[in-house]
Amino acid sequence: MTTFRRATFGAALLALACAAQAQAWPAKPVRLIVPFPAGGGTDAIAREVTNKLATSGYTFVVENKPGSGGNLGVDAVAKSQPDGYTFVIGQTSNLAINPTLYSKLPYDPVKDLTPVSLVASAPLALVVGANSPYKTLAEVVAAAKAKPGTINYATSGNGTVAHLAAESLQKEAGIKLVHIPYKGAAQGATDVISGQVHMYVSSIPTLIGHIKNGKMRPLAVTSAKRADDLPQVPTVAESGYKGFEAVTWFGILGPANLPKDVVAKFNADIQKALADAQLQKKLGDQGADVAGSSADQFGKLIRDDIVRWGRIVKESGAKVD
């Protein structure tokens, strides 16, 4: 056999091997990193989606890797091998906000990651403890105006969607609140419920359990329309701030250079899972809306929101070094 024929034959065998590998994917457990602590909204959505995918033959190892506003978990995936067995569930803060918020981000969300699919979106809620004297957002604003700098609010960290949404609200309302950033969305709940913190701003999936059991009182939601799971709660726009809107989205990504056929199969299986009425109800019960997409559509959303949220970060003056 000539050298040319041997090379051609070898290339053909390699192509067949790659095709067979992709067709067999996943041949082992898939690792999904949640870049936030267990118990938060991102964690809850990740576990519901992976539980549904498990019925289609997938085996997942869900790993919580919090830290640095979600950057540690995302960076671990960005630096992993593109073999189709390591993914991250990212969201607005670590993919669209952190590129502007952090002076040195260890990854580029556009160049170092491969979008697979958007999976959900959720508005934020502004809540107080059940024993709080504040019954409406207007009462919080009035108290903040009467005693500037004495009303505080918690979020899951500096530069998160919740933090920037609260900054935007303060600007529109002409008030100044004291921001208390926690290391995760679930960690501030105890202090808000006990009354040590006046108000909490976070995604509805993080807060819905406390709202339903009566430990937290919702004052407003940040979506353009009322949340299906909290129909009695007015929007911030309805509360006097016309046009106000801030939502957070969640999606699955892998490292750069993932095989296209793996991305296509994973995306198709995710869309199938998201079409399931039971999963939609489970996510809805946690205050999240199913939001599937193609890989390209998810990539465009990330690029567009980097520009949008980058502008808001700059206007707020928020910065993390």
Protein backbone atom coordinates (compact mmCIF):
# COMPACT_ATOMS: atom_id res chain seq x y z
CA MET A 1 0.00 0.00 0.00
CA THR A 2 1.40 3.41 -0.94
CA THR A 3 2.06 6.12 1.62
CA PHE A 4 -0.84 8.16 0.21
CA ARG A 5 -3.24 5.21 0.46
CA ARG A 6 -2.11 4.42 4.00
CA ALA A 7 -2.68 8.04 5.02
CA THR A 8 -6.09 8.10 3.37
CA PHE A 9 -7.04 4.80 4.96
CA GLY A 10 -5.85 6.02 8.38
CA ALA A 11 -7.86 9.25 8.04
CA ALA A 12 -10.96 7.26 7.11
CA LEU A 13 -10.55 5.00 10.14
CA LEU A 14 -10.11 8.05 12.38
CA ALA A 15 -13.25 9.65 10.96
CA LEU A 16 -15.20 6.44 11.51
CA ALA A 17 -13.90 6.18 15.06
CA CYS A 18 -14.92 9.77 15.81
CA ALA A 19 -18.36 9.21 14.32
CA ALA A 20 -18.82 6.05 16.35
CA GLN A 21 -17.71 7.84 19.51
CA ALA A 22 -20.17 10.69 18.92
CA GLN A 23 -22.95 8.24 18.15
CA ALA A 24 -22.27 6.39 21.41
CA TRP A 25 -22.13 9.60 23.44
CA PRO A 26 -22.64 9.67 26.34
CA ALA A 27 -20.83 6.43 27.08
CA LYS A 28 -20.14 7.38 30.72
CA PRO A 29 -21.48 9.79 33.38
CA VAL A 30 -21.62 13.46 32.41
CA ARG A 31 -20.32 15.98 34.93
CA LEU A 32 -22.44 19.13 35.32
CA ILE A 33 -20.91 21.88 37.41
CA VAL A 34 -23.22 24.27 39.27
CA PRO A 35 -21.09 27.36 40.02
CA PHE A 36 -23.14 28.26 43.10
CA PRO A 37 -23.92 26.58 46.45
CA ALA A 38 -26.51 23.85 46.81
CA GLY A 39 -30.01 25.09 47.55
CA GLY A 40 -29.95 28.13 45.29
CA GLY A 41 -32.01 28.75 42.17
CA THR A 42 -29.31 27.61 39.73
CA ASP A 43 -28.82 24.39 41.68
CA ALA A 44 -32.56 23.65 41.77
CA ILE A 45 -32.96 24.15 38.01
CA ALA A 46 -29.88 22.04 37.24
CA ARG A 47 -31.16 19.11 39.29
CA GLU A 48 -34.66 19.19 37.81
CA VAL A 49 -33.32 19.25 34.23
CA THR A 50 -30.74 16.52 34.81
CA ASN A 51 -33.33 14.34 36.57
CA LYS A 52 -35.51 14.53 33.48
CA LEU A 53 -32.60 13.85 31.12
CA ALA A 54 -31.72 10.80 33.22
CA THR A 55 -34.93 9.18 31.98
CA SER A 56 -33.45 9.30 28.46
CA GLY A 57 -30.36 7.32 29.39
CA TYR A 58 -28.07 10.05 30.73
CA THR A 59 -26.17 9.69 33.98
CA PHE A 60 -25.13 12.96 35.60
CA VAL A 61 -22.78 13.86 38.40
CA VAL A 62 -23.91 17.29 39.60
CA GLU A 63 -21.10 19.12 41.36
CA ASN A 64 -21.48 22.40 43.24
CA LYS A 65 -18.39 24.55 42.79
CA PRO A 66 -19.19 28.03 44.18
CA GLY A 67 -16.91 31.01 44.51
CA SER A 68 -15.98 34.34 42.97
CA GLY A 69 -19.48 35.13 41.71
CA GLY A 70 -19.71 31.84 39.86
CA ASN A 71 -16.38 32.35 38.12
CA LEU A 72 -14.63 29.35 39.69
CA GLY A 73 -17.12 26.84 38.38
CA VAL A 74 -17.33 28.35 34.91
CA ASP A 75 -13.55 28.58 34.67
CA ALA A 76 -13.18 24.90 35.62
CA VAL A 77 -15.32 23.97 32.61
CA ALA A 78 -13.62 26.48 30.30
CA LYS A 79 -10.29 24.78 31.09
CA SER A 80 -11.60 21.20 30.85
CA GLN A 81 -11.09 18.78 27.97
CA PRO A 82 -13.68 19.21 25.18
CA ASP A 83 -14.65 15.54 25.27
CA GLY A 84 -18.35 16.04 25.96
CA TYR A 85 -18.24 14.96 29.59
CA THR A 86 -17.89 18.27 31.45
CA PHE A 87 -20.50 21.03 31.33
CA VAL A 88 -21.64 23.98 33.40
CA ILE A 89 -25.02 25.55 34.02
CA GLY A 90 -24.18 29.21 33.67
CA GLN A 91 -26.42 32.20 34.07
CA THR A 92 -26.64 35.90 33.41
CA SER A 93 -24.21 37.01 36.11
CA ASN A 94 -21.20 34.82 35.31
CA LEU A 95 -21.65 34.91 31.52
CA ALA A 96 -22.97 38.40 30.72
CA ILE A 97 -22.20 40.61 33.73
CA ASN A 98 -18.85 39.40 35.05
CA PRO A 99 -16.91 40.21 31.84
CA THR A 100 -17.41 43.90 32.65
CA LEU A 101 -17.65 43.67 36.43
CA TYR A 102 -14.30 41.91 36.96
CA SER A 103 -11.09 43.62 35.88
CA LYS A 104 -9.49 40.20 35.34
CA LEU A 105 -11.83 37.37 34.39
CA PRO A 106 -10.07 33.99 34.05
CA TYR A 107 -12.19 32.99 31.04
CA ASP A 108 -13.84 34.56 28.01
CA PRO A 109 -17.49 33.45 27.93
CA VAL A 110 -17.57 33.78 24.13
CA LYS A 111 -14.19 32.30 23.17
CA ASP A 112 -13.65 29.71 25.91
CA LEU A 113 -17.09 28.08 26.07
CA THR A 114 -19.45 26.27 23.71
CA PRO A 115 -23.14 27.16 24.22
CA VAL A 116 -25.43 24.11 24.15
CA SER A 117 -28.86 25.39 25.14
CA LEU A 118 -30.76 27.91 27.20
CA VAL A 119 -32.94 26.03 29.69
CA ALA A 120 -34.86 28.54 31.81
CA SER A 121 -35.37 32.14 32.80
CA ALA A 122 -36.72 33.68 35.97
CA PRO A 123 -37.62 37.11 37.28
CA LEU A 124 -36.30 38.37 40.57
CA ALA A 125 -38.38 39.09 43.63
CA LEU A 126 -37.95 41.75 46.29
CA VAL A 127 -38.92 40.17 49.61
CA VAL A 128 -38.89 40.97 53.31
CA GLY A 129 -39.28 38.73 56.33
CA ALA A 130 -42.81 37.82 57.39
CA ASN A 131 -42.46 40.00 60.51
CA SER A 132 -41.18 43.05 58.61
CA PRO A 133 -43.18 46.26 58.99
CA TYR A 134 -42.96 46.84 55.23
CA LYS A 135 -45.97 45.66 53.26
CA THR A 136 -45.20 47.30 49.90
CA LEU A 137 -42.22 48.48 47.87
CA ALA A 138 -43.50 52.04 48.30
CA GLU A 139 -43.12 51.69 52.09
CA VAL A 140 -39.50 50.58 51.71
CA VAL A 141 -38.79 53.55 49.42
CA ALA A 142 -40.47 55.94 51.86
CA ALA A 143 -38.41 54.59 54.77
CA ALA A 144 -35.21 54.88 52.73
CA LYS A 145 -36.01 58.50 51.89
CA ALA A 146 -36.85 59.33 55.51
CA LYS A 147 -33.62 57.81 56.83
CA PRO A 148 -31.02 57.59 54.02
CA GLY A 149 -28.48 54.80 54.38
CA THR A 150 -30.34 52.91 57.11
CA ILE A 151 -32.28 50.38 55.00
CA ASN A 152 -30.24 47.42 53.77
CA TYR A 153 -30.81 44.63 51.31
CA ALA A 154 -29.11 41.30 50.61
CA THR A 155 -28.15 39.62 47.35
CA SER A 156 -26.07 36.60 46.39
CA GLY A 157 -23.08 38.80 45.58
CA ASN A 158 -21.61 41.92 44.03
CA GLY A 159 -22.47 42.43 40.39
CA THR A 160 -25.19 39.82 40.24
CA VAL A 161 -28.42 40.51 38.37
CA ALA A 162 -30.07 41.10 41.74
CA HIS A 163 -27.42 43.65 42.79
CA LEU A 164 -27.60 45.56 39.51
CA ALA A 165 -31.39 45.45 39.47
CA ALA A 166 -31.43 46.94 42.97
CA GLU A 167 -28.90 49.59 41.89
CA SER A 168 -31.13 50.53 38.96
CA LEU A 169 -34.17 50.73 41.23
CA GLN A 170 -32.34 53.00 43.68
CA LYS A 171 -31.40 55.31 40.84
CA GLU A 172 -34.99 55.51 39.61
CA ALA A 173 -36.45 55.91 43.10
CA GLY A 174 -33.85 58.43 44.23
CA ILE A 175 -32.84 56.46 47.31
CA LYS A 176 -29.70 54.89 48.75
CA LEU A 177 -29.83 51.41 50.26
CA VAL A 178 -26.97 49.52 51.94
CA HIS A 179 -25.97 46.44 49.96
CA ILE A 180 -25.06 43.26 51.86
CA PRO A 181 -23.58 40.70 49.43
CA TYR A 182 -23.64 37.04 50.46
CA LYS A 183 -21.60 34.22 48.94
CA GLY A 184 -24.67 32.38 47.65
CA ALA A 185 -28.34 32.98 47.02
CA ALA A 186 -29.51 30.65 49.82
CA GLN A 187 -27.26 32.02 52.56
CA GLY A 188 -28.98 35.35 53.13
CA ALA A 189 -32.40 33.80 53.74
CA THR A 190 -31.94 33.18 57.47
CA ASP A 191 -30.92 36.79 58.16
CA VAL A 192 -33.84 38.20 56.18
CA ILE A 193 -36.35 35.88 57.86
CA SER A 194 -34.97 36.80 61.29
CA GLY A 195 -35.15 40.51 60.49
CA GLN A 196 -31.41 41.18 60.64
CA VAL A 197 -31.57 42.20 56.98
CA HIS A 198 -34.43 44.40 55.80
CA MET A 199 -34.91 43.12 52.25
CA TYR A 200 -33.67 40.36 49.95
CA VAL A 201 -33.40 40.54 46.17
CA SER A 202 -32.96 37.22 44.39
CA SER A 203 -34.40 34.97 41.69
CA ILE A 204 -37.85 33.52 42.41
CA PRO A 205 -36.57 29.90 42.30
CA THR A 206 -34.34 30.74 45.27
CA LEU A 207 -37.11 32.38 47.29
CA ILE A 208 -40.29 30.56 46.33
CA GLY A 209 -40.10 27.95 49.10
CA HIS A 210 -39.79 30.63 51.80
CA ILE A 211 -42.59 32.65 50.21
CA LYS A 212 -44.93 29.66 50.05
CA ASN A 213 -44.29 28.63 53.65
CA GLY A 214 -45.00 32.16 54.84
CA LYS A 215 -41.51 33.04 56.07
CA MET A 216 -40.99 35.76 53.46
CA ARG A 217 -43.35 38.42 52.11
CA PRO A 218 -42.89 39.35 48.43
CA LEU A 219 -43.18 43.06 47.65
CA ALA A 220 -42.60 43.07 43.90
CA VAL A 221 -41.21 41.07 40.97
CA THR A 222 -38.86 42.43 38.34
CA SER A 223 -40.39 40.92 35.19
CA ALA A 224 -42.39 42.96 32.68
CA LYS A 225 -45.54 41.04 33.68
CA ARG A 226 -46.55 39.36 36.91
CA ALA A 227 -45.01 35.98 37.64
CA ASP A 228 -47.35 33.04 37.06
CA ASP A 229 -46.41 31.53 40.39
CA LEU A 230 -46.97 34.82 42.27
CA PRO A 231 -49.94 36.38 40.47
CA GLN A 232 -50.89 38.51 43.48
CA VAL A 233 -47.50 40.24 43.59
CA PRO A 234 -47.16 43.45 41.54
CA THR A 235 -44.24 44.13 39.25
CA VAL A 236 -41.73 46.88 40.02
CA ALA A 237 -43.12 48.67 36.96
CA GLU A 238 -46.63 48.52 38.43
CA SER A 239 -45.22 49.86 41.69
CA GLY A 240 -44.36 53.17 40.08
CA TYR A 241 -41.28 52.53 37.94
CA LYS A 242 -42.58 52.23 34.39
CA GLY A 243 -40.50 50.11 32.03
CA PHE A 244 -38.46 48.46 34.78
CA GLU A 245 -37.46 44.89 33.94
CA ALA A 246 -34.67 42.53 35.03
CA VAL A 247 -34.64 38.74 34.62
CA THR A 248 -31.96 36.11 34.92
CA TRP A 249 -31.51 33.19 32.54
CA PHE A 250 -29.84 29.80 32.90
CA GLY A 251 -28.17 27.67 30.24
CA ILE A 252 -25.82 24.75 29.67
CA LEU A 253 -22.36 25.16 28.14
CA GLY A 254 -19.23 23.10 27.63
CA PRO A 255 -15.62 24.05 26.92
CA ALA A 256 -14.63 25.51 23.57
CA ASN A 257 -14.25 23.16 20.59
CA LEU A 258 -16.87 20.62 21.65
CA PRO A 259 -17.66 18.21 18.79
CA LYS A 260 -20.58 19.60 16.80
CA ASP A 261 -22.43 16.29 16.80
CA VAL A 262 -22.23 16.08 20.59
CA VAL A 263 -23.63 19.62 20.85
CA ALA A 264 -26.41 18.75 18.39
CA LYS A 265 -27.41 15.57 20.26
CA PHE A 266 -27.28 17.17 23.69
CA ASN A 267 -29.28 20.17 22.48
CA ALA A 268 -31.94 17.93 20.89
CA ASP A 269 -32.29 15.89 24.07
CA ILE A 270 -32.52 19.04 26.20
CA GLN A 271 -35.31 20.42 23.98
CA LYS A 272 -37.15 17.13 24.32
CA ALA A 273 -36.79 17.25 28.11
CA LEU A 274 -37.96 20.87 28.29
CA ALA A 275 -41.09 20.00 26.28
CA ASP A 276 -42.19 17.65 29.06
CA ALA A 277 -45.22 19.02 30.91
CA GLN A 278 -44.08 17.56 34.23
CA LEU A 279 -40.69 19.28 34.05
CA GLN A 280 -42.35 22.54 33.03
CA LYS A 281 -44.59 22.31 36.10
CA LYS A 282 -41.66 21.53 38.40
CA LEU A 283 -39.70 24.51 37.11
CA GLY A 284 -42.84 26.66 37.24
CA ASP A 285 -43.46 25.66 40.85
CA GLN A 286 -40.01 27.07 41.59
CA GLY A 287 -40.71 30.34 39.79
CA ALA A 288 -38.80 29.57 36.60
CA ASP A 289 -40.02 29.51 33.00
CA VAL A 290 -38.78 26.93 30.50
CA ALA A 291 -36.71 28.65 27.81
CA GLY A 292 -35.17 26.26 25.31
CA SER A 293 -33.09 27.41 22.35
CA SER A 294 -30.69 26.33 19.67
CA ALA A 295 -26.99 26.49 20.47
CA ASP A 296 -26.61 29.47 18.12
CA GLN A 297 -29.51 31.33 19.70
CA PHE A 298 -28.01 30.85 23.15
CA GLY A 299 -24.64 32.11 21.92
CA LYS A 300 -26.27 35.25 20.48
CA LEU A 301 -28.10 35.90 23.76
CA ILE A 302 -24.81 35.76 25.66
CA ARG A 303 -23.11 38.16 23.24
CA ASP A 304 -26.03 40.60 23.26
CA ASP A 305 -26.37 40.57 27.05
CA ILE A 306 -22.65 41.16 27.56
CA VAL A 307 -23.22 44.50 25.82
CA ARG A 308 -26.50 45.25 27.61
CA TRP A 309 -25.39 44.40 31.15
CA GLY A 310 -21.94 45.84 30.56
CA ARG A 311 -23.54 49.22 30.06
CA ILE A 312 -25.52 48.86 33.32
CA VAL A 313 -22.39 47.80 35.23
CA LYS A 314 -20.54 50.88 34.02
CA GLU A 315 -23.43 53.17 34.91
CA SER A 316 -23.67 51.68 38.40
CA GLY A 317 -19.95 52.02 39.04
CA ALA A 318 -19.79 48.44 40.35
CA LYS A 319 -16.37 46.80 40.09
CA VAL A 320 -14.67 43.73 41.47
CA ASP A 321 -10.88 43.40 41.33
